[in-house]
Full PDB file with SEQRES, HELIX, SHEET, SSBOND, CRYST1, ORIGX, SCALE, CONECT and MASTER records, all heavy atoms in Angstrom:
SEQRES   1 A   33  GLU ILE TYR ASN LEU THR PHE THR VAL ASN GLY PHE SER          
SEQRES   2 A   33  LYS THR TYR ALA MET THR GLY TRP ARG LEU GLY TYR SER          
SEQRES   3 A   33  ALA SER PRO PRO TRP ALA ALA                                  
HELIX    1 AA1 TYR A    3  LEU A    5  5                                   3    
HELIX    2 AA2 SER A   13  TYR A   16  1                                   4    
HELIX    3 AA3 THR A   19  TRP A   21  5                                   3    
SHEET    1 AA1 2 THR A   8  GLY A  11  0                                        
SHEET    2 AA1 2 GLY A  24  ALA A  27 -1                                        
CRYST1    1.000    1.000    1.000  90.00  90.00  90.00 P 1           1          
ORIGX1      1.000000  0.000000  0.000000        0.00000                         
ORIGX2      0.000000  1.000000  0.000000        0.00000                         
ORIGX3      0.000000  0.000000  1.000000        0.00000                         
SCALE1      1.000000  0.000000  0.000000        0.00000                         
SCALE2      0.000000  1.000000  0.000000        0.00000                         
SCALE3      0.000000  0.000000  1.000000        0.00000                         
ATOM      1  N   GLU A   1      -8.087  -9.233  -6.556  1.00  0.00           N  
ATOM      2  CA  GLU A   1      -7.382  -8.540  -5.444  1.00  0.00           C  
ATOM      3  C   GLU A   1      -6.162  -9.336  -4.982  1.00  0.00           C  
ATOM      4  O   GLU A   1      -5.062  -8.717  -4.803  1.00  0.00           O  
ATOM      5  CB  GLU A   1      -8.345  -8.408  -4.184  1.00  0.00           C  
ATOM      6  CG  GLU A   1      -9.445  -7.447  -4.430  1.00  0.00           C  
ATOM      7  CD  GLU A   1     -10.500  -7.923  -5.370  1.00  0.00           C  
ATOM      8  OE1 GLU A   1     -10.660  -9.248  -5.483  1.00  0.00           O  
ATOM      9  OE2 GLU A   1     -11.376  -7.178  -5.875  1.00  0.00           O  
ATOM     10  N   ILE A   2      -6.212 -10.679  -4.918  1.00  0.00           N  
ATOM     11  CA  ILE A   2      -5.103 -11.423  -4.486  1.00  0.00           C  
ATOM     12  C   ILE A   2      -4.063 -11.468  -5.669  1.00  0.00           C  
ATOM     13  O   ILE A   2      -2.858 -11.483  -5.467  1.00  0.00           O  
ATOM     14  CB  ILE A   2      -5.411 -12.828  -4.099  1.00  0.00           C  
ATOM     15  CG1 ILE A   2      -4.294 -13.431  -3.204  1.00  0.00           C  
ATOM     16  CG2 ILE A   2      -5.863 -13.796  -5.215  1.00  0.00           C  
ATOM     17  CD1 ILE A   2      -4.096 -12.711  -1.821  1.00  0.00           C  
ATOM     18  N   TYR A   3      -4.519 -11.586  -6.938  1.00  0.00           N  
ATOM     19  CA  TYR A   3      -3.613 -11.417  -8.044  1.00  0.00           C  
ATOM     20  C   TYR A   3      -2.697 -10.198  -7.995  1.00  0.00           C  
ATOM     21  O   TYR A   3      -1.575 -10.177  -8.361  1.00  0.00           O  
ATOM     22  CB  TYR A   3      -4.554 -11.317  -9.357  1.00  0.00           C  
ATOM     23  CG  TYR A   3      -3.873 -11.108 -10.645  1.00  0.00           C  
ATOM     24  CD1 TYR A   3      -3.566 -12.156 -11.480  1.00  0.00           C  
ATOM     25  CD2 TYR A   3      -3.568  -9.879 -11.058  1.00  0.00           C  
ATOM     26  CE1 TYR A   3      -2.904 -11.962 -12.769  1.00  0.00           C  
ATOM     27  CE2 TYR A   3      -2.930  -9.575 -12.377  1.00  0.00           C  
ATOM     28  CZ  TYR A   3      -2.709 -10.615 -13.111  1.00  0.00           C  
ATOM     29  OH  TYR A   3      -2.018 -10.451 -14.314  1.00  0.00           O  
ATOM     30  N   ASN A   4      -3.298  -9.029  -7.523  1.00  0.00           N  
ATOM     31  CA  ASN A   4      -2.527  -7.841  -7.424  1.00  0.00           C  
ATOM     32  C   ASN A   4      -1.496  -7.820  -6.331  1.00  0.00           C  
ATOM     33  O   ASN A   4      -0.651  -6.912  -6.391  1.00  0.00           O  
ATOM     34  CB  ASN A   4      -3.511  -6.674  -7.287  1.00  0.00           C  
ATOM     35  CG  ASN A   4      -2.915  -5.332  -7.794  1.00  0.00           C  
ATOM     36  OD1 ASN A   4      -2.241  -5.331  -8.879  1.00  0.00           O  
ATOM     37  ND2 ASN A   4      -3.033  -4.295  -7.057  1.00  0.00           N  
ATOM     38  N   LEU A   5      -1.537  -8.770  -5.451  1.00  0.00           N  
ATOM     39  CA  LEU A   5      -0.524  -8.946  -4.425  1.00  0.00           C  
ATOM     40  C   LEU A   5       0.461  -9.994  -4.679  1.00  0.00           C  
ATOM     41  O   LEU A   5       1.451 -10.123  -3.828  1.00  0.00           O  
ATOM     42  CB  LEU A   5      -1.220  -9.233  -3.022  1.00  0.00           C  
ATOM     43  CG  LEU A   5      -2.092  -8.050  -2.408  1.00  0.00           C  
ATOM     44  CD1 LEU A   5      -2.838  -8.625  -1.198  1.00  0.00           C  
ATOM     45  CD2 LEU A   5      -1.238  -6.883  -2.099  1.00  0.00           C  
ATOM     46  N   THR A   6       0.261 -10.797  -5.579  1.00  0.00           N  
ATOM     47  CA  THR A   6       1.003 -11.997  -5.814  1.00  0.00           C  
ATOM     48  C   THR A   6       2.019 -12.023  -6.957  1.00  0.00           C  
ATOM     49  O   THR A   6       1.743 -11.516  -8.026  1.00  0.00           O  
ATOM     50  CB  THR A   6       0.062 -13.218  -5.983  1.00  0.00           C  
ATOM     51  OG1 THR A   6      -0.874 -13.366  -4.925  1.00  0.00           O  
ATOM     52  CG2 THR A   6       0.813 -14.500  -6.095  1.00  0.00           C  
ATOM     53  N   PHE A   7       3.139 -12.634  -6.609  1.00  0.00           N  
ATOM     54  CA  PHE A   7       4.191 -12.902  -7.600  1.00  0.00           C  
ATOM     55  C   PHE A   7       4.422 -14.310  -7.809  1.00  0.00           C  
ATOM     56  O   PHE A   7       4.773 -15.003  -6.864  1.00  0.00           O  
ATOM     57  CB  PHE A   7       5.601 -12.176  -7.180  1.00  0.00           C  
ATOM     58  CG  PHE A   7       5.400 -10.596  -7.028  1.00  0.00           C  
ATOM     59  CD1 PHE A   7       4.868 -10.088  -5.861  1.00  0.00           C  
ATOM     60  CD2 PHE A   7       5.893  -9.809  -8.004  1.00  0.00           C  
ATOM     61  CE1 PHE A   7       4.867  -8.758  -5.746  1.00  0.00           C  
ATOM     62  CE2 PHE A   7       5.823  -8.454  -7.836  1.00  0.00           C  
ATOM     63  CZ  PHE A   7       5.292  -7.868  -6.729  1.00  0.00           C  
ATOM     64  N   THR A   8       4.118 -14.794  -9.029  1.00  0.00           N  
ATOM     65  CA  THR A   8       4.210 -16.199  -9.242  1.00  0.00           C  
ATOM     66  C   THR A   8       5.486 -16.556  -9.929  1.00  0.00           C  
ATOM     67  O   THR A   8       5.795 -16.041 -10.944  1.00  0.00           O  
ATOM     68  CB  THR A   8       3.015 -16.664 -10.226  1.00  0.00           C  
ATOM     69  OG1 THR A   8       1.798 -16.332  -9.605  1.00  0.00           O  
ATOM     70  CG2 THR A   8       3.055 -18.125 -10.533  1.00  0.00           C  
ATOM     71  N   VAL A   9       6.225 -17.441  -9.340  1.00  0.00           N  
ATOM     72  CA  VAL A   9       7.464 -17.784  -9.741  1.00  0.00           C  
ATOM     73  C   VAL A   9       7.496 -19.254 -10.232  1.00  0.00           C  
ATOM     74  O   VAL A   9       6.844 -20.104  -9.548  1.00  0.00           O  
ATOM     75  CB  VAL A   9       8.610 -17.598  -8.698  1.00  0.00           C  
ATOM     76  CG1 VAL A   9       9.918 -18.211  -9.117  1.00  0.00           C  
ATOM     77  CG2 VAL A   9       8.827 -16.123  -8.447  1.00  0.00           C  
ATOM     78  N   ASN A  10       8.110 -19.552 -11.375  1.00  0.00           N  
ATOM     79  CA  ASN A  10       8.148 -20.908 -11.864  1.00  0.00           C  
ATOM     80  C   ASN A  10       9.377 -21.003 -12.741  1.00  0.00           C  
ATOM     81  O   ASN A  10      10.266 -20.131 -12.864  1.00  0.00           O  
ATOM     82  CB  ASN A  10       6.883 -21.280 -12.695  1.00  0.00           C  
ATOM     83  CG  ASN A  10       6.537 -22.705 -12.631  1.00  0.00           C  
ATOM     84  OD1 ASN A  10       7.467 -23.591 -12.583  1.00  0.00           O  
ATOM     85  ND2 ASN A  10       5.264 -23.065 -12.544  1.00  0.00           N  
ATOM     86  N   GLY A  11       9.664 -22.182 -13.408  1.00  0.00           N  
ATOM     87  CA  GLY A  11      10.836 -22.320 -14.164  1.00  0.00           C  
ATOM     88  C   GLY A  11      10.715 -23.701 -14.856  1.00  0.00           C  
ATOM     89  O   GLY A  11       9.737 -24.460 -14.873  1.00  0.00           O  
ATOM     90  N   PHE A  12      11.909 -24.000 -15.459  1.00  0.00           N  
ATOM     91  CA  PHE A  12      12.021 -25.243 -16.204  1.00  0.00           C  
ATOM     92  C   PHE A  12      12.902 -26.407 -15.616  1.00  0.00           C  
ATOM     93  O   PHE A  12      12.892 -27.465 -16.220  1.00  0.00           O  
ATOM     94  CB  PHE A  12      12.492 -24.887 -17.625  1.00  0.00           C  
ATOM     95  CG  PHE A  12      11.706 -23.763 -18.308  1.00  0.00           C  
ATOM     96  CD1 PHE A  12      11.948 -22.485 -17.991  1.00  0.00           C  
ATOM     97  CD2 PHE A  12      10.704 -24.172 -19.173  1.00  0.00           C  
ATOM     98  CE1 PHE A  12      11.157 -21.431 -18.647  1.00  0.00           C  
ATOM     99  CE2 PHE A  12      10.021 -23.159 -19.742  1.00  0.00           C  
ATOM    100  CZ  PHE A  12      10.126 -21.909 -19.557  1.00  0.00           C  
ATOM    101  N   SER A  13      13.585 -26.137 -14.649  1.00  0.00           N  
ATOM    102  CA  SER A  13      14.647 -27.018 -14.069  1.00  0.00           C  
ATOM    103  C   SER A  13      14.065 -28.325 -13.635  1.00  0.00           C  
ATOM    104  O   SER A  13      14.590 -29.408 -13.910  1.00  0.00           O  
ATOM    105  CB  SER A  13      15.377 -26.368 -12.953  1.00  0.00           C  
ATOM    106  OG  SER A  13      14.615 -25.950 -11.857  1.00  0.00           O  
ATOM    107  N   LYS A  14      12.967 -28.336 -12.779  1.00  0.00           N  
ATOM    108  CA  LYS A  14      12.467 -29.546 -12.198  1.00  0.00           C  
ATOM    109  C   LYS A  14      11.634 -30.324 -13.136  1.00  0.00           C  
ATOM    110  O   LYS A  14      11.739 -31.487 -13.340  1.00  0.00           O  
ATOM    111  CB  LYS A  14      11.783 -29.238 -10.952  1.00  0.00           C  
ATOM    112  CG  LYS A  14      12.467 -28.313  -9.962  1.00  0.00           C  
ATOM    113  CD  LYS A  14      13.846 -28.744  -9.537  1.00  0.00           C  
ATOM    114  CE  LYS A  14      14.499 -27.793  -8.538  1.00  0.00           C  
ATOM    115  NZ  LYS A  14      15.751 -28.211  -8.014  1.00  0.00           N  
ATOM    116  N   THR A  15      10.742 -29.583 -13.837  1.00  0.00           N  
ATOM    117  CA  THR A  15       9.706 -30.319 -14.665  1.00  0.00           C  
ATOM    118  C   THR A  15      10.342 -30.883 -15.942  1.00  0.00           C  
ATOM    119  O   THR A  15      10.007 -32.049 -16.350  1.00  0.00           O  
ATOM    120  CB  THR A  15       8.688 -29.278 -15.128  1.00  0.00           C  
ATOM    121  OG1 THR A  15       7.952 -28.783 -13.942  1.00  0.00           O  
ATOM    122  CG2 THR A  15       7.660 -30.010 -16.027  1.00  0.00           C  
ATOM    123  N   TYR A  16      11.382 -30.280 -16.477  1.00  0.00           N  
ATOM    124  CA  TYR A  16      11.954 -30.665 -17.749  1.00  0.00           C  
ATOM    125  C   TYR A  16      13.386 -31.107 -17.636  1.00  0.00           C  
ATOM    126  O   TYR A  16      14.037 -31.257 -18.626  1.00  0.00           O  
ATOM    127  CB  TYR A  16      11.766 -29.625 -18.830  1.00  0.00           C  
ATOM    128  CG  TYR A  16      10.367 -29.228 -19.114  1.00  0.00           C  
ATOM    129  CD1 TYR A  16       9.760 -28.142 -18.504  1.00  0.00           C  
ATOM    130  CD2 TYR A  16       9.592 -30.018 -19.984  1.00  0.00           C  
ATOM    131  CE1 TYR A  16       8.516 -27.740 -18.816  1.00  0.00           C  
ATOM    132  CE2 TYR A  16       8.305 -29.757 -20.257  1.00  0.00           C  
ATOM    133  CZ  TYR A  16       7.690 -28.499 -19.656  1.00  0.00           C  
ATOM    134  OH  TYR A  16       6.396 -28.236 -19.849  1.00  0.00           O  
ATOM    135  N   ALA A  17      13.946 -31.239 -16.318  1.00  0.00           N  
ATOM    136  CA  ALA A  17      15.249 -31.813 -16.113  1.00  0.00           C  
ATOM    137  C   ALA A  17      16.235 -30.820 -16.834  1.00  0.00           C  
ATOM    138  O   ALA A  17      17.117 -31.262 -17.528  1.00  0.00           O  
ATOM    139  CB  ALA A  17      15.445 -33.219 -16.630  1.00  0.00           C  
ATOM    140  N   MET A  18      16.040 -29.532 -16.613  1.00  0.00           N  
ATOM    141  CA  MET A  18      16.796 -28.557 -17.158  1.00  0.00           C  
ATOM    142  C   MET A  18      17.562 -27.643 -16.173  1.00  0.00           C  
ATOM    143  O   MET A  18      17.774 -26.457 -16.276  1.00  0.00           O  
ATOM    144  CB  MET A  18      15.867 -27.583 -18.099  1.00  0.00           C  
ATOM    145  CG  MET A  18      15.302 -28.275 -19.263  1.00  0.00           C  
ATOM    146  SD  MET A  18      14.097 -27.302 -20.209  1.00  0.00           S  
ATOM    147  CE  MET A  18      15.205 -25.903 -20.802  1.00  0.00           C  
ATOM    148  N   THR A  19      18.112 -28.305 -15.092  1.00  0.00           N  
ATOM    149  CA  THR A  19      18.681 -27.511 -14.004  1.00  0.00           C  
ATOM    150  C   THR A  19      19.884 -26.699 -14.457  1.00  0.00           C  
ATOM    151  O   THR A  19      19.958 -25.586 -14.128  1.00  0.00           O  
ATOM    152  CB  THR A  19      19.192 -28.540 -12.871  1.00  0.00           C  
ATOM    153  OG1 THR A  19      19.959 -29.582 -13.519  1.00  0.00           O  
ATOM    154  CG2 THR A  19      18.019 -29.125 -12.191  1.00  0.00           C  
ATOM    155  N   GLY A  20      20.814 -27.257 -15.299  1.00  0.00           N  
ATOM    156  CA  GLY A  20      21.993 -26.567 -15.794  1.00  0.00           C  
ATOM    157  C   GLY A  20      21.650 -25.433 -16.821  1.00  0.00           C  
ATOM    158  O   GLY A  20      22.472 -24.647 -17.012  1.00  0.00           O  
ATOM    159  N   TRP A  21      20.483 -25.405 -17.317  1.00  0.00           N  
ATOM    160  CA  TRP A  21      20.109 -24.470 -18.339  1.00  0.00           C  
ATOM    161  C   TRP A  21      19.917 -23.070 -17.654  1.00  0.00           C  
ATOM    162  O   TRP A  21      19.932 -22.068 -18.333  1.00  0.00           O  
ATOM    163  CB  TRP A  21      18.841 -24.853 -19.031  1.00  0.00           C  
ATOM    164  CG  TRP A  21      18.884 -26.107 -19.800  1.00  0.00           C  
ATOM    165  CD1 TRP A  21      19.204 -27.304 -19.421  1.00  0.00           C  
ATOM    166  CD2 TRP A  21      18.778 -26.250 -21.187  1.00  0.00           C  
ATOM    167  NE1 TRP A  21      19.250 -28.242 -20.410  1.00  0.00           N  
ATOM    168  CE2 TRP A  21      19.033 -27.648 -21.530  1.00  0.00           C  
ATOM    169  CE3 TRP A  21      18.476 -25.276 -22.233  1.00  0.00           C  
ATOM    170  CZ2 TRP A  21      18.807 -28.001 -22.921  1.00  0.00           C  
ATOM    171  CZ3 TRP A  21      18.290 -25.775 -23.545  1.00  0.00           C  
ATOM    172  CH2 TRP A  21      18.561 -27.112 -23.903  1.00  0.00           C  
ATOM    173  N   ARG A  22      19.568 -23.003 -16.381  1.00  0.00           N  
ATOM    174  CA  ARG A  22      19.421 -21.824 -15.557  1.00  0.00           C  
ATOM    175  C   ARG A  22      18.258 -20.912 -16.267  1.00  0.00           C  
ATOM    176  O   ARG A  22      18.584 -19.800 -16.740  1.00  0.00           O  
ATOM    177  CB  ARG A  22      20.642 -20.985 -15.412  1.00  0.00           C  
ATOM    178  CG  ARG A  22      21.840 -21.733 -14.780  1.00  0.00           C  
ATOM    179  CD  ARG A  22      21.380 -22.626 -13.572  1.00  0.00           C  
ATOM    180  NE  ARG A  22      20.758 -21.981 -12.574  1.00  0.00           N  
ATOM    181  CZ  ARG A  22      19.621 -22.326 -11.897  1.00  0.00           C  
ATOM    182  NH1 ARG A  22      18.989 -23.498 -12.171  1.00  0.00           N  
ATOM    183  NH2 ARG A  22      19.128 -21.611 -10.902  1.00  0.00           N  
ATOM    184  N   LEU A  23      17.061 -21.383 -16.176  1.00  0.00           N  
ATOM    185  CA  LEU A  23      15.947 -20.573 -16.762  1.00  0.00           C  
ATOM    186  C   LEU A  23      14.687 -20.670 -15.769  1.00  0.00           C  
ATOM    187  O   LEU A  23      14.289 -21.731 -15.381  1.00  0.00           O  
ATOM    188  CB  LEU A  23      15.481 -21.157 -18.037  1.00  0.00           C  
ATOM    189  CG  LEU A  23      16.480 -20.726 -19.291  1.00  0.00           C  
ATOM    190  CD1 LEU A  23      15.949 -21.580 -20.483  1.00  0.00           C  
ATOM    191  CD2 LEU A  23      16.154 -19.268 -19.578  1.00  0.00           C  
ATOM    192  N   GLY A  24      14.231 -19.546 -15.441  1.00  0.00           N  
ATOM    193  CA  GLY A  24      13.030 -19.405 -14.568  1.00  0.00           C  
ATOM    194  C   GLY A  24      12.319 -18.223 -15.044  1.00  0.00           C  
ATOM    195  O   GLY A  24      12.665 -17.481 -16.000  1.00  0.00           O  
ATOM    196  N   TYR A  25      11.193 -17.868 -14.309  1.00  0.00           N  
ATOM    197  CA  TYR A  25      10.507 -16.608 -14.700  1.00  0.00           C  
ATOM    198  C   TYR A  25       9.576 -16.220 -13.507  1.00  0.00           C  
ATOM    199  O   TYR A  25       9.260 -17.000 -12.657  1.00  0.00           O  
ATOM    200  CB  TYR A  25       9.732 -16.779 -15.951  1.00  0.00           C  
ATOM    201  CG  TYR A  25       8.666 -17.844 -15.988  1.00  0.00           C  
ATOM    202  CD1 TYR A  25       7.368 -17.637 -15.365  1.00  0.00           C  
ATOM    203  CD2 TYR A  25       8.953 -19.111 -16.442  1.00  0.00           C  
ATOM    204  CE1 TYR A  25       6.395 -18.674 -15.397  1.00  0.00           C  
ATOM    205  CE2 TYR A  25       7.989 -20.095 -16.411  1.00  0.00           C  
ATOM    206  CZ  TYR A  25       6.691 -19.854 -15.968  1.00  0.00           C  
ATOM    207  OH  TYR A  25       5.767 -20.851 -15.991  1.00  0.00           O  
ATOM    208  N   SER A  26       9.277 -14.935 -13.512  1.00  0.00           N  
ATOM    209  CA  SER A  26       8.325 -14.391 -12.657  1.00  0.00           C  
ATOM    210  C   SER A  26       7.168 -13.753 -13.450  1.00  0.00           C  
ATOM    211  O   SER A  26       7.306 -13.222 -14.533  1.00  0.00           O  
ATOM    212  CB  SER A  26       8.940 -13.311 -11.683  1.00  0.00           C  
ATOM    213  OG  SER A  26       9.452 -12.241 -12.463  1.00  0.00           O  
ATOM    214  N   ALA A  27       6.001 -13.917 -12.927  1.00  0.00           N  
ATOM    215  CA  ALA A  27       4.763 -13.270 -13.475  1.00  0.00           C  
ATOM    216  C   ALA A  27       4.226 -12.293 -12.381  1.00  0.00           C  
ATOM    217  O   ALA A  27       3.889 -12.745 -11.276  1.00  0.00           O  
ATOM    218  CB  ALA A  27       3.720 -14.315 -13.883  1.00  0.00           C  
ATOM    219  N   SER A  28       4.196 -11.063 -12.674  1.00  0.00           N  
ATOM    220  CA  SER A  28       3.977 -10.046 -11.683  1.00  0.00           C  
ATOM    221  C   SER A  28       2.811  -9.203 -11.939  1.00  0.00           C  
ATOM    222  O   SER A  28       2.360  -9.052 -13.103  1.00  0.00           O  
ATOM    223  CB  SER A  28       5.227  -9.118 -11.568  1.00  0.00           C  
ATOM    224  OG  SER A  28       6.386  -9.787 -11.345  1.00  0.00           O  
ATOM    225  N   PRO A  29       2.208  -8.623 -10.834  1.00  0.00           N  
ATOM    226  CA  PRO A  29       1.161  -7.666 -11.090  1.00  0.00           C  
ATOM    227  C   PRO A  29       1.669  -6.474 -11.831  1.00  0.00           C  
ATOM    228  O   PRO A  29       2.892  -6.143 -11.806  1.00  0.00           O  
ATOM    229  CB  PRO A  29       0.726  -7.311  -9.647  1.00  0.00           C  
ATOM    230  CG  PRO A  29       1.847  -7.634  -8.790  1.00  0.00           C  
ATOM    231  CD  PRO A  29       2.578  -8.691  -9.452  1.00  0.00           C  
ATOM    232  N   PRO A  30       0.791  -5.713 -12.549  1.00  0.00           N  
ATOM    233  CA  PRO A  30       1.189  -4.651 -13.442  1.00  0.00           C  
ATOM    234  C   PRO A  30       2.022  -3.636 -12.701  1.00  0.00           C  
ATOM    235  O   PRO A  30       2.963  -2.994 -13.326  1.00  0.00           O  
ATOM    236  CB  PRO A  30      -0.083  -4.041 -13.936  1.00  0.00           C  
ATOM    237  CG  PRO A  30      -1.044  -5.237 -13.846  1.00  0.00           C  
ATOM    238  CD  PRO A  30      -0.689  -5.978 -12.624  1.00  0.00           C  
ATOM    239  N   TRP A  31       1.715  -3.236 -11.366  1.00  0.00           N  
ATOM    240  CA  TRP A  31       2.336  -2.173 -10.726  1.00  0.00           C  
ATOM    241  C   TRP A  31       3.878  -2.468 -10.440  1.00  0.00           C  
ATOM    242  O   TRP A  31       4.610  -1.473 -10.163  1.00  0.00           O  
ATOM    243  CB  TRP A  31       1.694  -1.940  -9.445  1.00  0.00           C  
ATOM    244  CG  TRP A  31       1.586  -3.016  -8.411  1.00  0.00           C  
ATOM    245  CD1 TRP A  31       0.616  -3.990  -8.345  1.00  0.00           C  
ATOM    246  CD2 TRP A  31       2.608  -3.392  -7.418  1.00  0.00           C  
ATOM    247  NE1 TRP A  31       0.879  -4.828  -7.296  1.00  0.00           N  
ATOM    248  CE2 TRP A  31       2.098  -4.501  -6.800  1.00  0.00           C  
ATOM    249  CE3 TRP A  31       3.813  -2.828  -7.103  1.00  0.00           C  
ATOM    250  CZ2 TRP A  31       2.818  -5.126  -5.633  1.00  0.00           C  
ATOM    251  CZ3 TRP A  31       4.538  -3.476  -6.065  1.00  0.00           C  
ATOM    252  CH2 TRP A  31       4.016  -4.570  -5.337  1.00  0.00           C  
ATOM    253  N   ALA A  32       4.381  -3.745 -10.550  1.00  0.00           N  
ATOM    254  CA  ALA A  32       5.663  -4.091 -10.235  1.00  0.00           C  
ATOM    255  C   ALA A  32       6.523  -4.718 -11.380  1.00  0.00           C  
ATOM    256  O   ALA A  32       7.716  -4.802 -11.307  1.00  0.00           O  
ATOM    257  CB  ALA A  32       5.766  -4.983  -9.057  1.00  0.00           C  
ATOM    258  N   ALA A  33       5.875  -5.132 -12.392  1.00  0.00           N  
ATOM    259  CA  ALA A  33       6.463  -5.877 -13.504  1.00  0.00           C  
ATOM    260  C   ALA A  33       7.602  -5.029 -14.182  1.00  0.00           C  
ATOM    261  O   ALA A  33       8.832  -5.540 -14.360  1.00  0.00           O  
ATOM    262  CB  ALA A  33       5.487  -6.333 -14.472  1.00  0.00           C  
TER     263      ALA A  33                                                      
MASTER        0    0    0    3    2    0    0    6  262    1    0    3          
END                                                                             
């Protein structure tokens, strides 16, 4: 139920020191992806 309400956002800039690469992503519930 909470999965279906949640949009998980993450990326590569902080973890891999890739700030200038400009790469992130969203993982969305099926109804909005």
